[in-house]
Amino acid sequence: MHHSSRSSSWHGIISSPPFHFLQLQGRYSAEERRERIERYRSKRSHRNFGKRITYACRKRLADERARVKGRFVSSSGGNDNI
């Protein structure tokens, strides 16, 4: 019984939100939020997860090195039985 009287007292405190709360959802207005979400989606659709060569000089050196089954090997004749 005591608990129910406490919950009924909370009913008077919780009322409709103030007018400015209805216009702002968090930090941005509805229009600003829509624009930011649209910008995020546009950038997300253009993401590139492909390989990107950072240092052309390193790629050139790697392309010139000797390989066996895709792995680098020393050009000396020491280990030809791979």
C-alpha atoms as a PDB file:
ATOM      1  CA  MET A   1       0.000   0.000   0.000  1.00  0.00           C
ATOM      2  CA  HIS A   2       2.761   2.384   0.859  1.00  0.00           C
ATOM      3  CA  HIS A   3       4.447   1.649  -2.470  1.00  0.00           C
ATOM      4  CA  SER A   4       1.345   2.462  -4.507  1.00  0.00           C
ATOM      5  CA  SER A   5       0.996   5.887  -2.892  1.00  0.00           C
ATOM      6  CA  ARG A   6       4.620   6.584  -3.813  1.00  0.00           C
ATOM      7  CA  SER A   7       4.061   5.669  -7.477  1.00  0.00           C
ATOM      8  CA  SER A   8       0.966   7.844  -7.665  1.00  0.00           C
ATOM      9  CA  SER A   9       3.001  10.817  -6.443  1.00  0.00           C
ATOM     10  CA  TRP A  10       5.368  10.321  -9.398  1.00  0.00           C
ATOM     11  CA  HIS A  11       2.463  10.714 -11.813  1.00  0.00           C
ATOM     12  CA  GLY A  12       2.242  14.388 -10.986  1.00  0.00           C
ATOM     13  CA  ILE A  13       5.965  14.933 -11.629  1.00  0.00           C
ATOM     14  CA  ILE A  14       6.108  13.229 -15.016  1.00  0.00           C
ATOM     15  CA  SER A  15       4.160  15.387 -17.421  1.00  0.00           C
ATOM     16  CA  SER A  16       4.378  16.173 -21.093  1.00  0.00           C
ATOM     17  CA  PRO A  17       7.853  17.219 -22.246  1.00  0.00           C
ATOM     18  CA  PRO A  18       8.567  20.910 -22.800  1.00  0.00           C
ATOM     19  CA  PHE A  19       8.039  22.323 -26.281  1.00  0.00           C
ATOM     20  CA  HIS A  20      11.765  22.724 -27.081  1.00  0.00           C
ATOM     21  CA  PHE A  21      12.289  19.009 -26.390  1.00  0.00           C
ATOM     22  CA  LEU A  22       9.868  18.089 -29.165  1.00  0.00           C
ATOM     23  CA  GLN A  23      11.848  20.070 -31.741  1.00  0.00           C
ATOM     24  CA  LEU A  24      15.304  18.809 -30.751  1.00  0.00           C
ATOM     25  CA  GLN A  25      16.153  15.126 -30.675  1.00  0.00           C
ATOM     26  CA  GLY A  26      19.437  15.240 -28.809  1.00  0.00           C
ATOM     27  CA  ARG A  27      22.051  17.698 -30.030  1.00  0.00           C
ATOM     28  CA  TYR A  28      20.702  18.452 -33.521  1.00  0.00           C
ATOM     29  CA  SER A  29      17.415  19.555 -35.015  1.00  0.00           C
ATOM     30  CA  ALA A  30      15.520  17.098 -37.198  1.00  0.00           C
ATOM     31  CA  GLU A  31      16.829  18.739 -40.385  1.00  0.00           C
ATOM     32  CA  GLU A  32      20.458  18.780 -39.183  1.00  0.00           C
ATOM     33  CA  ARG A  33      20.175  15.158 -38.086  1.00  0.00           C
ATOM     34  CA  ARG A  34      18.742  14.128 -41.470  1.00  0.00           C
ATOM     35  CA  GLU A  35      21.598  15.928 -43.283  1.00  0.00           C
ATOM     36  CA  ARG A  36      24.251  14.308 -41.073  1.00  0.00           C
ATOM     37  CA  ILE A  37      22.790  10.826 -41.551  1.00  0.00           C
ATOM     38  CA  GLU A  38      22.629  11.389 -45.304  1.00  0.00           C
ATOM     39  CA  ARG A  39      26.298  12.493 -45.317  1.00  0.00           C
ATOM     40  CA  TYR A  40      27.307   9.411 -43.282  1.00  0.00           C
ATOM     41  CA  ARG A  41      25.462   7.058 -45.639  1.00  0.00           C
ATOM     42  CA  SER A  42      26.993   8.715 -48.689  1.00  0.00           C
ATOM     43  CA  LYS A  43      30.528   8.412 -47.273  1.00  0.00           C
ATOM     44  CA  ARG A  44      29.881   4.810 -46.198  1.00  0.00           C
ATOM     45  CA  SER A  45      28.820   3.861 -49.723  1.00  0.00           C
ATOM     46  CA  HIS A  46      32.147   5.150 -51.093  1.00  0.00           C
ATOM     47  CA  ARG A  47      34.458   3.319 -48.682  1.00  0.00           C
ATOM     48  CA  ASN A  48      37.380   1.534 -50.304  1.00  0.00           C
ATOM     49  CA  PHE A  49      38.715  -1.585 -48.629  1.00  0.00           C
ATOM     50  CA  GLY A  50      40.881  -2.556 -51.589  1.00  0.00           C
ATOM     51  CA  LYS A  51      44.657  -2.700 -51.562  1.00  0.00           C
ATOM     52  CA  ARG A  52      46.429   0.618 -51.758  1.00  0.00           C
ATOM     53  CA  ILE A  53      50.140   0.934 -52.492  1.00  0.00           C
ATOM     54  CA  THR A  54      51.628   3.377 -50.007  1.00  0.00           C
ATOM     55  CA  TYR A  55      55.275   3.307 -51.101  1.00  0.00           C
ATOM     56  CA  ALA A  56      55.913   2.772 -54.804  1.00  0.00           C
ATOM     57  CA  CYS A  57      59.651   2.256 -54.190  1.00  0.00           C
ATOM     58  CA  ARG A  58      58.960  -0.683 -51.843  1.00  0.00           C
ATOM     59  CA  LYS A  59      56.618  -2.270 -54.372  1.00  0.00           C
ATOM     60  CA  ARG A  60      59.229  -1.930 -57.111  1.00  0.00           C
ATOM     61  CA  LEU A  61      61.857  -3.642 -54.930  1.00  0.00           C
ATOM     62  CA  ALA A  62      59.438  -6.441 -53.985  1.00  0.00           C
ATOM     63  CA  ASP A  63      58.501  -7.019 -57.625  1.00  0.00           C
ATOM     64  CA  GLU A  64      62.185  -7.372 -58.525  1.00  0.00           C
ATOM     65  CA  ARG A  65      62.963  -9.953 -55.801  1.00  0.00           C
ATOM     66  CA  ALA A  66      63.101 -13.652 -56.627  1.00  0.00           C
ATOM     67  CA  ARG A  67      60.065 -15.700 -55.576  1.00  0.00           C
ATOM     68  CA  VAL A  68      59.134 -19.370 -55.359  1.00  0.00           C
ATOM     69  CA  LYS A  69      55.416 -20.109 -54.967  1.00  0.00           C
ATOM     70  CA  GLY A  70      54.850 -16.474 -54.089  1.00  0.00           C
ATOM     71  CA  ARG A  71      57.422 -16.371 -51.295  1.00  0.00           C
ATOM     72  CA  PHE A  72      60.640 -14.423 -51.378  1.00  0.00           C
ATOM     73  CA  VAL A  73      63.777 -16.532 -51.760  1.00  0.00           C
ATOM     74  CA  SER A  74      67.409 -15.584 -51.741  1.00  0.00           C
ATOM     75  CA  SER A  75      68.895 -15.362 -55.192  1.00  0.00           C
ATOM     76  CA  SER A  76      71.960 -17.362 -54.095  1.00  0.00           C
ATOM     77  CA  GLY A  77      71.889 -21.017 -55.168  1.00  0.00           C
ATOM     78  CA  GLY A  78      71.854 -22.365 -51.598  1.00  0.00           C
ATOM     79  CA  ASN A  79      68.250 -23.643 -51.294  1.00  0.00           C
ATOM     80  CA  ASP A  80      66.822 -24.650 -54.690  1.00  0.00           C
ATOM     81  CA  ASN A  81      64.796 -27.677 -53.440  1.00  0.00           C
ATOM     82  CA  ILE A  82      61.744 -25.797 -52.203  1.00  0.00           C
END
